[in-house]
Amino acid sequence: MPNITKRTNKDGSTSFLIRVYVDETGTGHQITKSMTWRPSANMRPSAAEKEVVKQAALFEDKVKHGMVAFDGKTTFGEYAMNWVDNAPIAPATKQGYQDLMKRIVPALGHIRLEKLQSHHLEAFYKNLAESGVNLNKHYAESDKLKPVMEERKISCEKLAKLSTLSPASVQSAARGKHVSVATAEKISAALDLPTNELFVVHKSNAGLSQNSILHYHRLISAVLEKAKRERLVPFNVAGEHAAAPRVPHKEAKYLDDDQARTFLSLLLNEEDLRMKTALVLLLFTGARRGELCGLSWPDIDEGQELVHILRASQYQPGKGVVEVPTKNTGSVRAVKLPSFVFELLTQYRAWWNSQKLLYGKSWKGQAQRLFIQEDGRPINPATINFWMKKFLKKHDFPYITPHSLRHTFATLQITAGVDVRTLQSLTGHAQASTLVNIYSHAIKSKQAAACDALAGVLLPENKAQTK
């Protein structure tokens, strides 16, 4: 039988300590598992007494089935690390969360889960904004790496495997470009050389941006929201009490219709068929970079003039390019394309097939991915950024990213009169509200046009013109 102890807290509220005794080892030695249950403020005492008995029975059942790993002594760090390790999230997202935990655990991990308060979080956010914290602003460069690689006869591909980095990262370092300090350390370790002998490390005094700090806040809030659902804490202190970092709203960077026409005109005259096909598809599908790299030839329905977006590609350190699900279930979709895009795809497929014949038994294109290295292996999604930079530099075009083409697709669709719900199905956003926030510039423009149109219908012609 569970043991239930009623307690009166300092603020006058009531809580119940539930204890369950269990023999986990089979030796007869019992250990105590406990939890605190707090009734809602408007719950009657008699109802609370009945509910706590129910909660105690549920807790006892979980304990007996080995489902309870946390109790009143659990620290925020223990709970948060368990959440990150077991949450059903994409590998790249998990890696990102693990990186965030490297700062969260030293700062907040020692605090008991139920004792975490808003002032702890706000002090942590303030510290993240202080000078010297932003390690991403640190960078390393080397004019010694390439000679060392040549002397040891190590290619970029081989060094990438030894250092668990992407070939693109190693190539950048070998060309003397700025790379992260972590990249420099991995390359140095792979070559068995001290980092300071191979690279010059430059450090910045910058703190984290408010946008970066917001990522920490959102992760902490997600962890505490689960703890709240499990009745380990009475409320989500991050989501309900702590002051979240304020990030100024920034409009998505996109091409207007004139810029988009110029961009397409230049692109259609591009000689590099892979680059041309990839960027045209980005512009006309609004696909994410990873979704584009996840396309295979069976996804192309020439008869219906549709492209089916079913998966994504992602580079993972130590694993290379792997297939992953789309960002959310709504991201699985089909997008109709103009006929000329399929004509371009026909040309590109001819090149693709010629590469397959050229490599013969050495061909490595197992998944029939559209965008490949010359031997058929899928490209790293970062290659799309490389192609974009190369194309923009060649034509002296204003800087944009591959994701800017997704924003351009959405903005031009709204301008053309496509409603938000339909656009949501085309772009694969989980929520229509996200589109409203991102593309408010285009929506406001359409609202203004709608108001003018209504005036034209309802007002006499001379008044509508002078309005």
Protein backbone atom coordinates (compact mmCIF):
# COMPACT_ATOMS: atom_id res chain seq x y z
CA MET A 1 0.00 0.00 0.00
CA PRO A 2 1.28 3.49 -0.83
CA ASN A 3 1.98 5.83 2.06
CA ILE A 4 0.33 9.26 1.69
CA THR A 5 1.40 12.26 3.77
CA LYS A 6 -0.51 15.52 3.60
CA ARG A 7 1.64 18.67 3.81
CA THR A 8 0.92 22.37 4.10
CA ASN A 9 3.39 24.47 2.11
CA LYS A 10 4.82 27.88 3.06
CA ASP A 11 2.42 29.63 0.70
CA GLY A 12 -0.54 27.97 2.38
CA SER A 13 -1.21 25.50 -0.43
CA THR A 14 -1.59 21.78 0.12
CA SER A 15 0.51 18.97 -1.36
CA PHE A 16 0.73 15.23 -0.78
CA LEU A 17 3.91 13.17 -0.51
CA ILE A 18 3.31 9.68 -1.91
CA ARG A 19 5.76 6.92 -0.97
CA VAL A 20 5.89 3.43 -2.44
CA TYR A 21 8.19 0.70 -1.16
CA VAL A 22 9.55 -1.79 -3.68
CA ASP A 23 12.09 -4.62 -3.80
CA GLU A 24 13.89 -3.92 -7.12
CA THR A 25 16.71 -6.43 -6.63
CA GLY A 26 14.74 -9.43 -5.38
CA THR A 27 16.88 -9.61 -2.24
CA GLY A 28 14.16 -8.53 0.16
CA HIS A 29 15.73 -5.09 0.56
CA GLN A 30 13.08 -2.47 -0.09
CA ILE A 31 13.79 1.00 -1.42
CA THR A 32 11.53 4.01 -1.38
CA LYS A 33 10.16 5.72 -4.49
CA SER A 34 8.36 8.98 -3.87
CA MET A 35 6.51 11.71 -5.68
CA THR A 36 4.72 14.90 -4.73
CA TRP A 37 1.16 15.47 -5.96
CA ARG A 38 -0.40 18.92 -5.79
CA PRO A 39 -4.13 19.48 -6.27
CA SER A 40 -5.23 22.43 -8.36
CA ALA A 41 -6.04 25.62 -6.44
CA ASN A 42 -9.80 25.38 -7.09
CA MET A 43 -10.13 21.69 -6.10
CA ARG A 44 -12.28 21.02 -3.02
CA PRO A 45 -10.47 19.29 -0.08
CA SER A 46 -12.78 16.25 -0.28
CA ALA A 47 -12.14 15.91 -4.02
CA ALA A 48 -8.39 16.26 -3.43
CA GLU A 49 -8.45 13.46 -0.82
CA LYS A 50 -10.13 11.12 -3.31
CA GLU A 51 -7.86 12.14 -6.19
CA VAL A 52 -4.64 11.62 -4.24
CA VAL A 53 -5.65 8.01 -3.50
CA LYS A 54 -6.11 7.49 -7.24
CA GLN A 55 -2.76 9.14 -8.01
CA ALA A 56 -1.05 6.98 -5.39
CA ALA A 57 -2.45 3.80 -6.94
CA LEU A 58 -1.27 4.88 -10.39
CA PHE A 59 2.17 5.73 -9.01
CA GLU A 60 2.43 2.36 -7.26
CA ASP A 61 1.53 0.60 -10.51
CA LYS A 62 4.23 2.49 -12.39
CA VAL A 63 6.81 1.70 -9.72
CA LYS A 64 6.01 -2.03 -9.77
CA HIS A 65 6.37 -2.07 -13.56
CA GLY A 66 9.70 -0.23 -13.47
CA MET A 67 8.29 2.88 -15.12
CA VAL A 68 9.35 5.40 -12.46
CA ALA A 69 12.88 6.72 -12.62
CA PHE A 70 12.39 10.08 -10.89
CA ASP A 71 11.27 11.22 -7.48
CA GLY A 72 11.47 14.27 -5.21
CA LYS A 73 15.27 14.10 -5.16
CA THR A 74 15.65 14.19 -8.93
CA THR A 75 17.72 17.11 -10.19
CA PHE A 76 16.81 19.12 -13.24
CA GLY A 77 20.01 17.92 -14.94
CA GLU A 78 19.13 14.24 -14.45
CA TYR A 79 15.61 14.70 -15.75
CA ALA A 80 16.62 16.92 -18.67
CA MET A 81 19.38 14.57 -19.87
CA ASN A 82 16.96 11.65 -19.75
CA TRP A 83 14.43 13.69 -21.74
CA VAL A 84 16.97 14.56 -24.44
CA ASP A 85 18.23 10.96 -24.67
CA ASN A 86 14.75 9.44 -25.00
CA ALA A 87 12.64 12.07 -26.78
CA PRO A 88 11.38 10.95 -30.23
CA ILE A 89 13.28 13.62 -32.17
CA ALA A 90 15.46 13.67 -35.29
CA PRO A 91 19.15 12.80 -34.78
CA ALA A 92 20.32 16.28 -35.81
CA THR A 93 17.83 17.86 -33.39
CA LYS A 94 19.01 15.54 -30.62
CA GLN A 95 22.62 16.49 -31.32
CA GLY A 96 21.64 20.17 -31.13
CA TYR A 97 19.90 19.62 -27.79
CA GLN A 98 22.92 17.73 -26.44
CA ASP A 99 25.08 20.71 -27.38
CA LEU A 100 22.72 23.04 -25.49
CA MET A 101 22.86 20.74 -22.46
CA LYS A 102 26.61 21.37 -22.23
CA ARG A 103 25.76 24.81 -20.83
CA ILE A 104 22.45 23.99 -19.17
CA VAL A 105 23.73 21.18 -16.94
CA PRO A 106 26.65 23.07 -15.32
CA ALA A 107 24.41 26.09 -14.67
CA LEU A 108 21.11 24.48 -13.64
CA GLY A 109 21.65 20.73 -13.47
CA HIS A 110 22.35 20.58 -9.72
CA ILE A 111 18.99 22.19 -8.78
CA ARG A 112 16.26 19.77 -7.72
CA LEU A 113 13.57 19.57 -10.38
CA GLU A 114 10.78 20.80 -8.12
CA LYS A 115 12.97 23.62 -6.72
CA LEU A 116 13.81 25.22 -10.08
CA GLN A 117 12.49 28.80 -10.12
CA SER A 118 12.17 31.60 -12.64
CA HIS A 119 15.04 33.62 -11.16
CA HIS A 120 17.39 30.65 -11.80
CA LEU A 121 16.44 30.69 -15.47
CA GLU A 122 16.61 34.46 -15.88
CA ALA A 123 20.09 34.55 -14.31
CA PHE A 124 21.16 31.79 -16.72
CA TYR A 125 19.82 33.70 -19.74
CA LYS A 126 21.62 36.85 -18.56
CA ASN A 127 24.88 34.92 -18.29
CA LEU A 128 24.51 33.58 -21.84
CA ALA A 129 24.38 37.15 -23.16
CA GLU A 130 27.62 38.13 -21.44
CA SER A 131 30.89 38.61 -23.31
CA GLY A 132 33.05 35.63 -24.21
CA VAL A 133 30.22 33.08 -24.05
CA ASN A 134 29.59 32.77 -27.79
CA LEU A 135 32.07 30.10 -28.82
CA ASN A 136 30.53 30.08 -32.31
CA LYS A 137 32.12 33.48 -32.85
CA HIS A 138 35.52 31.93 -32.22
CA TYR A 139 37.14 30.57 -35.35
CA ALA A 140 40.34 28.92 -36.52
CA GLU A 141 42.32 29.17 -39.74
CA SER A 142 45.42 27.43 -41.06
CA ASP A 143 47.97 27.89 -43.81
CA LYS A 144 49.79 24.75 -42.63
CA LEU A 145 47.07 22.13 -43.09
CA LYS A 146 47.31 21.75 -46.85
CA PRO A 147 51.13 21.25 -46.84
CA VAL A 148 50.78 18.65 -44.07
CA MET A 149 48.10 16.79 -46.05
CA GLU A 150 50.26 16.87 -49.19
CA GLU A 151 53.32 15.67 -47.28
CA ARG A 152 51.38 12.76 -45.76
CA LYS A 153 49.45 12.13 -49.01
CA ILE A 154 46.08 12.38 -47.25
CA SER A 155 43.07 13.44 -49.33
CA CYS A 156 40.22 15.57 -48.01
CA GLU A 157 37.92 12.55 -48.19
CA LYS A 158 40.30 10.40 -46.13
CA LEU A 159 40.86 13.12 -43.54
CA ALA A 160 37.10 13.66 -43.33
CA LYS A 161 36.62 10.01 -42.40
CA LEU A 162 39.45 10.09 -39.86
CA SER A 163 38.06 13.24 -38.21
CA THR A 164 34.34 12.31 -38.57
CA LEU A 165 33.78 15.61 -40.41
CA SER A 166 32.19 16.30 -43.76
CA PRO A 167 34.54 16.57 -46.78
CA ALA A 168 33.29 20.14 -47.28
CA SER A 169 34.52 21.14 -43.79
CA VAL A 170 37.96 19.65 -44.42
CA GLN A 171 38.17 21.31 -47.84
CA SER A 172 37.38 24.70 -46.29
CA ALA A 173 40.07 24.22 -43.66
CA ALA A 174 42.62 23.10 -46.28
CA ARG A 175 41.92 26.25 -48.33
CA GLY A 176 42.69 28.41 -45.29
CA LYS A 177 39.05 29.39 -44.72
CA HIS A 178 37.60 30.14 -41.31
CA VAL A 179 36.34 26.99 -39.55
CA SER A 180 34.99 26.36 -36.08
CA VAL A 181 37.39 25.64 -33.26
CA ALA A 182 35.73 22.22 -32.82
CA THR A 183 36.46 21.42 -36.49
CA ALA A 184 40.09 22.48 -36.04
CA GLU A 185 40.42 20.28 -32.96
CA LYS A 186 39.00 17.22 -34.75
CA ILE A 187 41.31 17.68 -37.74
CA SER A 188 44.32 18.15 -35.47
CA ALA A 189 43.44 15.05 -33.45
CA ALA A 190 43.07 12.99 -36.65
CA LEU A 191 46.55 14.11 -37.73
CA ASP A 192 47.92 13.62 -34.20
CA LEU A 193 49.10 17.22 -34.01
CA PRO A 194 48.43 19.91 -31.37
CA THR A 195 45.72 22.30 -32.50
CA ASN A 196 47.84 25.39 -31.80
CA GLU A 197 50.61 24.07 -34.07
CA LEU A 198 48.28 23.51 -37.01
CA PHE A 199 45.74 26.31 -36.59
CA VAL A 200 45.58 29.90 -35.40
CA VAL A 201 42.56 30.31 -33.11
CA HIS A 202 40.80 33.68 -32.99
CA LYS A 203 38.49 34.36 -30.03
CA SER A 204 35.57 36.76 -29.85
CA ASN A 205 34.20 38.69 -26.89
CA ALA A 206 30.60 38.39 -28.09
CA GLY A 207 27.79 36.90 -26.03
CA LEU A 208 25.02 34.75 -27.45
CA SER A 209 22.31 36.47 -29.47
CA GLN A 210 18.78 36.68 -28.11
CA ASN A 211 17.72 34.21 -30.79
CA SER A 212 20.32 31.68 -29.59
CA ILE A 213 19.28 32.18 -25.97
CA LEU A 214 15.68 31.55 -27.01
CA HIS A 215 16.72 28.04 -28.14
CA TYR A 216 17.87 27.32 -24.57
CA HIS A 217 14.61 28.67 -23.18
CA ARG A 218 12.51 26.54 -25.50
CA LEU A 219 14.42 23.37 -24.64
CA ILE A 220 14.10 24.01 -20.90
CA SER A 221 10.39 24.74 -21.34
CA ALA A 222 9.85 21.50 -23.30
CA VAL A 223 11.58 19.49 -20.56
CA LEU A 224 9.53 21.12 -17.80
CA GLU A 225 6.30 20.70 -19.74
CA LYS A 226 6.81 16.93 -19.70
CA ALA A 227 7.67 17.06 -15.99
CA LYS A 228 4.41 18.96 -15.43
CA ARG A 229 2.40 16.31 -17.32
CA GLU A 230 4.04 13.65 -15.14
CA ARG A 231 3.06 15.61 -11.99
CA LEU A 232 6.70 15.99 -10.96
CA VAL A 233 6.32 19.79 -10.87
CA PRO A 234 3.14 21.84 -10.33
CA PHE A 235 3.76 24.14 -13.30
CA ASN A 236 6.18 24.85 -16.13
CA VAL A 237 8.32 27.57 -14.60
CA ALA A 238 9.96 28.37 -17.97
CA GLY A 239 6.77 28.57 -19.99
CA GLU A 240 4.54 30.15 -17.35
CA HIS A 241 6.72 32.34 -15.14
CA ALA A 242 10.23 33.07 -16.45
CA ALA A 243 10.72 36.05 -18.76
CA ALA A 244 11.55 34.58 -22.15
CA PRO A 245 14.31 36.20 -24.26
CA ARG A 246 12.87 38.82 -26.60
CA VAL A 247 13.82 38.40 -30.23
CA PRO A 248 12.95 41.26 -32.63
CA HIS A 249 10.77 40.06 -35.50
CA LYS A 250 12.69 39.77 -38.76
CA GLU A 251 11.04 39.42 -42.11
CA ALA A 252 12.07 36.39 -44.10
CA LYS A 253 14.66 37.16 -46.77
CA TYR A 254 13.21 36.52 -50.22
CA LEU A 255 13.34 37.65 -53.84
CA ASP A 256 10.59 39.90 -55.18
CA ASP A 257 9.03 39.04 -58.53
CA ASP A 258 11.53 41.07 -60.59
CA GLN A 259 14.51 39.62 -58.74
CA ALA A 260 13.06 36.10 -59.05
CA ARG A 261 12.65 36.52 -62.82
CA THR A 262 16.26 37.71 -63.13
CA PHE A 263 17.48 34.86 -60.94
CA LEU A 264 15.60 32.27 -63.04
CA SER A 265 16.81 33.79 -66.32
CA LEU A 266 20.43 33.53 -65.19
CA LEU A 267 19.86 30.06 -63.82
CA LEU A 268 18.40 28.68 -67.05
CA ASN A 269 21.61 29.71 -68.85
CA GLU A 270 23.78 27.93 -66.28
CA GLU A 271 26.04 25.21 -67.73
CA ASP A 272 26.30 23.10 -64.56
CA LEU A 273 23.25 20.86 -64.98
CA ARG A 274 23.24 19.58 -61.39
CA MET A 275 23.36 23.08 -59.95
CA LYS A 276 20.73 24.36 -62.37
CA THR A 277 18.28 21.52 -61.68
CA ALA A 278 18.70 21.71 -57.92
CA LEU A 279 18.14 25.47 -57.65
CA VAL A 280 15.21 25.44 -60.11
CA LEU A 281 13.53 22.75 -58.03
CA LEU A 282 14.07 24.76 -54.85
CA LEU A 283 12.47 27.80 -56.45
CA PHE A 284 9.45 25.95 -57.85
CA THR A 285 8.76 23.52 -55.00
CA GLY A 286 9.59 25.59 -51.91
CA ALA A 287 11.32 22.49 -50.56
CA ARG A 288 13.73 22.56 -47.68
CA ARG A 289 17.36 21.81 -48.52
CA GLY A 290 17.28 18.39 -46.87
CA GLU A 291 14.00 17.51 -48.61
CA LEU A 292 15.54 18.35 -51.98
CA CYS A 293 18.50 16.07 -51.28
CA GLY A 294 16.09 13.31 -50.20
CA LEU A 295 14.35 13.18 -53.59
CA SER A 296 14.66 9.95 -55.61
CA TRP A 297 13.64 9.32 -59.19
CA PRO A 298 10.49 7.34 -58.23
CA ASP A 299 9.26 10.53 -56.51
CA ILE A 300 9.04 12.29 -59.89
CA ASP A 301 5.60 11.80 -61.47
CA GLU A 302 6.01 13.18 -64.97
CA GLY A 303 2.51 12.13 -66.05
CA GLN A 304 0.80 14.20 -63.35
CA GLU A 305 3.63 16.78 -63.31
CA LEU A 306 4.09 16.26 -59.57
CA VAL A 307 7.07 15.96 -57.26
CA HIS A 308 6.39 13.89 -54.13
CA ILE A 309 8.34 14.98 -51.05
CA LEU A 310 8.52 11.92 -48.81
CA ARG A 311 11.81 12.09 -46.91
CA ALA A 312 14.91 14.18 -46.27
CA SER A 313 18.67 13.71 -46.31
CA GLN A 314 20.89 14.79 -43.46
CA TYR A 315 24.61 14.72 -42.75
CA GLN A 316 25.46 13.16 -39.39
CA PRO A 317 29.03 13.14 -38.03
CA GLY A 318 30.47 9.65 -38.06
CA LYS A 319 27.66 8.32 -40.27
CA GLY A 320 27.81 10.50 -43.36
CA VAL A 321 24.67 11.31 -45.36
CA VAL A 322 21.65 9.41 -44.02
CA GLU A 323 17.94 9.32 -44.80
CA VAL A 324 15.62 10.86 -42.19
CA PRO A 325 11.87 11.57 -42.04
CA THR A 326 10.55 14.95 -43.10
CA LYS A 327 10.40 17.69 -40.46
CA ASN A 328 6.81 16.82 -39.54
CA THR A 329 3.97 14.65 -40.83
CA GLY A 330 2.53 17.59 -42.78
CA SER A 331 5.80 17.91 -44.67
CA VAL A 332 4.98 14.77 -46.70
CA ARG A 333 3.34 16.35 -49.71
CA ALA A 334 3.12 16.64 -53.49
CA VAL A 335 3.85 19.82 -55.45
CA LYS A 336 2.79 20.43 -59.04
CA LEU A 337 5.48 21.85 -61.34
CA PRO A 338 5.47 23.65 -64.71
CA SER A 339 6.17 21.56 -67.81
CA PHE A 340 9.55 23.22 -68.49
CA VAL A 341 10.85 21.91 -65.14
CA PHE A 342 10.15 18.37 -66.27
CA GLU A 343 11.96 19.09 -69.52
CA LEU A 344 14.94 20.14 -67.42
CA LEU A 345 14.59 16.98 -65.32
CA THR A 346 14.67 14.89 -68.52
CA GLN A 347 18.00 16.47 -69.47
CA TYR A 348 19.32 15.95 -65.98
CA ARG A 349 18.26 12.30 -65.92
CA ALA A 350 20.18 11.71 -69.15
CA TRP A 351 23.32 13.02 -67.41
CA TRP A 352 22.52 10.92 -64.33
CA ASN A 353 22.19 7.75 -66.42
CA SER A 354 25.41 8.52 -68.30
CA GLN A 355 27.23 8.73 -64.95
CA LYS A 356 25.79 5.36 -63.92
CA LEU A 357 27.02 3.76 -67.15
CA LEU A 358 30.42 5.43 -66.81
CA TYR A 359 31.03 4.04 -63.31
CA GLY A 360 29.55 0.60 -63.97
CA LYS A 361 30.25 -1.76 -61.07
CA SER A 362 31.75 1.11 -59.07
CA TRP A 363 28.41 2.93 -59.06
CA LYS A 364 27.20 3.60 -55.50
CA GLY A 365 23.77 5.13 -56.15
CA GLN A 366 21.68 2.59 -54.25
CA ALA A 367 18.70 4.81 -53.42
CA GLN A 368 18.35 6.50 -56.86
CA ARG A 369 18.78 9.91 -55.27
CA LEU A 370 18.45 12.77 -57.75
CA PHE A 371 21.36 14.81 -56.50
CA ILE A 372 24.49 12.78 -56.30
CA GLN A 373 28.24 12.84 -56.29
CA GLU A 374 29.78 11.65 -59.53
CA ASP A 375 29.86 8.00 -58.36
CA GLY A 376 26.19 8.00 -57.35
CA ARG A 377 26.57 8.61 -53.62
CA PRO A 378 24.06 11.15 -52.25
CA ILE A 379 25.41 14.67 -51.82
CA ASN A 380 25.81 16.33 -48.45
CA PRO A 381 22.96 18.91 -48.14
CA ALA A 382 25.67 21.53 -47.48
CA THR A 383 26.63 21.10 -51.17
CA ILE A 384 23.47 23.04 -52.08
CA ASN A 385 24.82 26.05 -50.17
CA PHE A 386 28.13 25.69 -52.00
CA TRP A 387 26.36 25.64 -55.39
CA MET A 388 24.29 28.67 -54.42
CA LYS A 389 27.33 30.71 -53.36
CA LYS A 390 29.17 29.74 -56.54
CA PHE A 391 26.23 30.77 -58.72
CA LEU A 392 25.65 34.11 -56.94
CA LYS A 393 29.34 35.01 -57.07
CA LYS A 394 29.52 34.16 -60.78
CA HIS A 395 26.65 36.52 -61.62
CA ASP A 396 27.33 39.17 -58.96
CA PHE A 397 23.83 38.53 -57.58
CA PRO A 398 22.82 39.75 -54.08
CA TYR A 399 23.50 37.18 -51.37
CA ILE A 400 20.70 34.76 -50.51
CA THR A 401 20.63 31.25 -49.08
CA PRO A 402 18.90 28.13 -50.44
CA HIS A 403 16.23 28.70 -47.77
CA SER A 404 15.60 32.16 -49.28
CA LEU A 405 14.21 30.36 -52.34
CA ARG A 406 11.69 28.62 -50.07
CA HIS A 407 10.67 32.04 -48.73
CA THR A 408 10.48 33.34 -52.30
CA PHE A 409 8.21 30.46 -53.30
CA ALA A 410 5.85 31.15 -50.39
CA THR A 411 5.82 34.93 -50.84
CA LEU A 412 5.07 34.77 -54.56
CA GLN A 413 2.32 32.22 -53.93
CA ILE A 414 0.62 34.57 -51.46
CA THR A 415 1.04 37.49 -53.85
CA ALA A 416 -0.61 35.37 -56.56
CA GLY A 417 -3.64 34.87 -54.32
CA VAL A 418 -3.01 31.43 -52.82
CA ASP A 419 -4.68 31.19 -49.40
CA VAL A 420 -2.70 30.33 -46.27
CA ARG A 421 -4.22 26.86 -45.81
CA THR A 422 -3.36 25.84 -49.35
CA LEU A 423 0.12 27.29 -48.98
CA GLN A 424 0.56 25.29 -45.77
CA SER A 425 -0.05 22.09 -47.73
CA LEU A 426 2.49 23.18 -50.37
CA THR A 427 5.28 24.19 -47.97
CA GLY A 428 4.74 21.45 -45.39
CA HIS A 429 4.52 23.75 -42.36
CA ALA A 430 3.03 22.07 -39.28
CA GLN A 431 0.85 25.08 -38.45
CA ALA A 432 -0.75 27.78 -40.57
CA SER A 433 0.05 30.30 -37.84
CA THR A 434 3.76 29.86 -38.61
CA LEU A 435 3.12 31.00 -42.17
CA VAL A 436 1.19 34.03 -40.94
CA ASN A 437 4.10 35.06 -38.72
CA ILE A 438 6.83 34.47 -41.31
CA TYR A 439 5.08 35.96 -44.32
CA SER A 440 3.24 38.85 -42.71
CA HIS A 441 4.77 41.21 -45.31
CA ALA A 442 3.01 39.47 -48.19
CA ILE A 443 -0.23 38.94 -46.28
CA LYS A 444 -0.45 42.64 -45.35
CA SER A 445 0.10 43.54 -48.98
CA LYS A 446 -2.79 41.27 -50.01
CA GLN A 447 -4.98 42.76 -47.27
CA ALA A 448 -4.31 46.26 -48.58
CA ALA A 449 -5.16 45.12 -52.11
CA ALA A 450 -8.39 43.52 -50.84
CA CYS A 451 -9.42 46.77 -49.11
CA ASP A 452 -8.79 48.73 -52.31
CA ALA A 453 -10.81 46.17 -54.28
CA LEU A 454 -13.73 46.48 -51.88
CA ALA A 455 -13.64 50.27 -52.20
CA GLY A 456 -13.76 49.86 -55.97
CA VAL A 457 -16.88 47.74 -55.69
CA LEU A 458 -18.82 49.74 -53.11
CA LEU A 459 -17.89 53.37 -53.78
CA PRO A 460 -18.90 55.45 -56.79
CA GLU A 461 -16.18 55.42 -59.44
CA ASN A 462 -14.98 58.98 -58.87
CA LYS A 463 -14.71 58.49 -55.09
CA ALA A 464 -12.92 55.14 -55.43
CA GLN A 465 -10.35 56.81 -57.70
CA THR A 466 -9.73 59.72 -55.35
CA LYS A 467 -9.50 57.49 -52.28
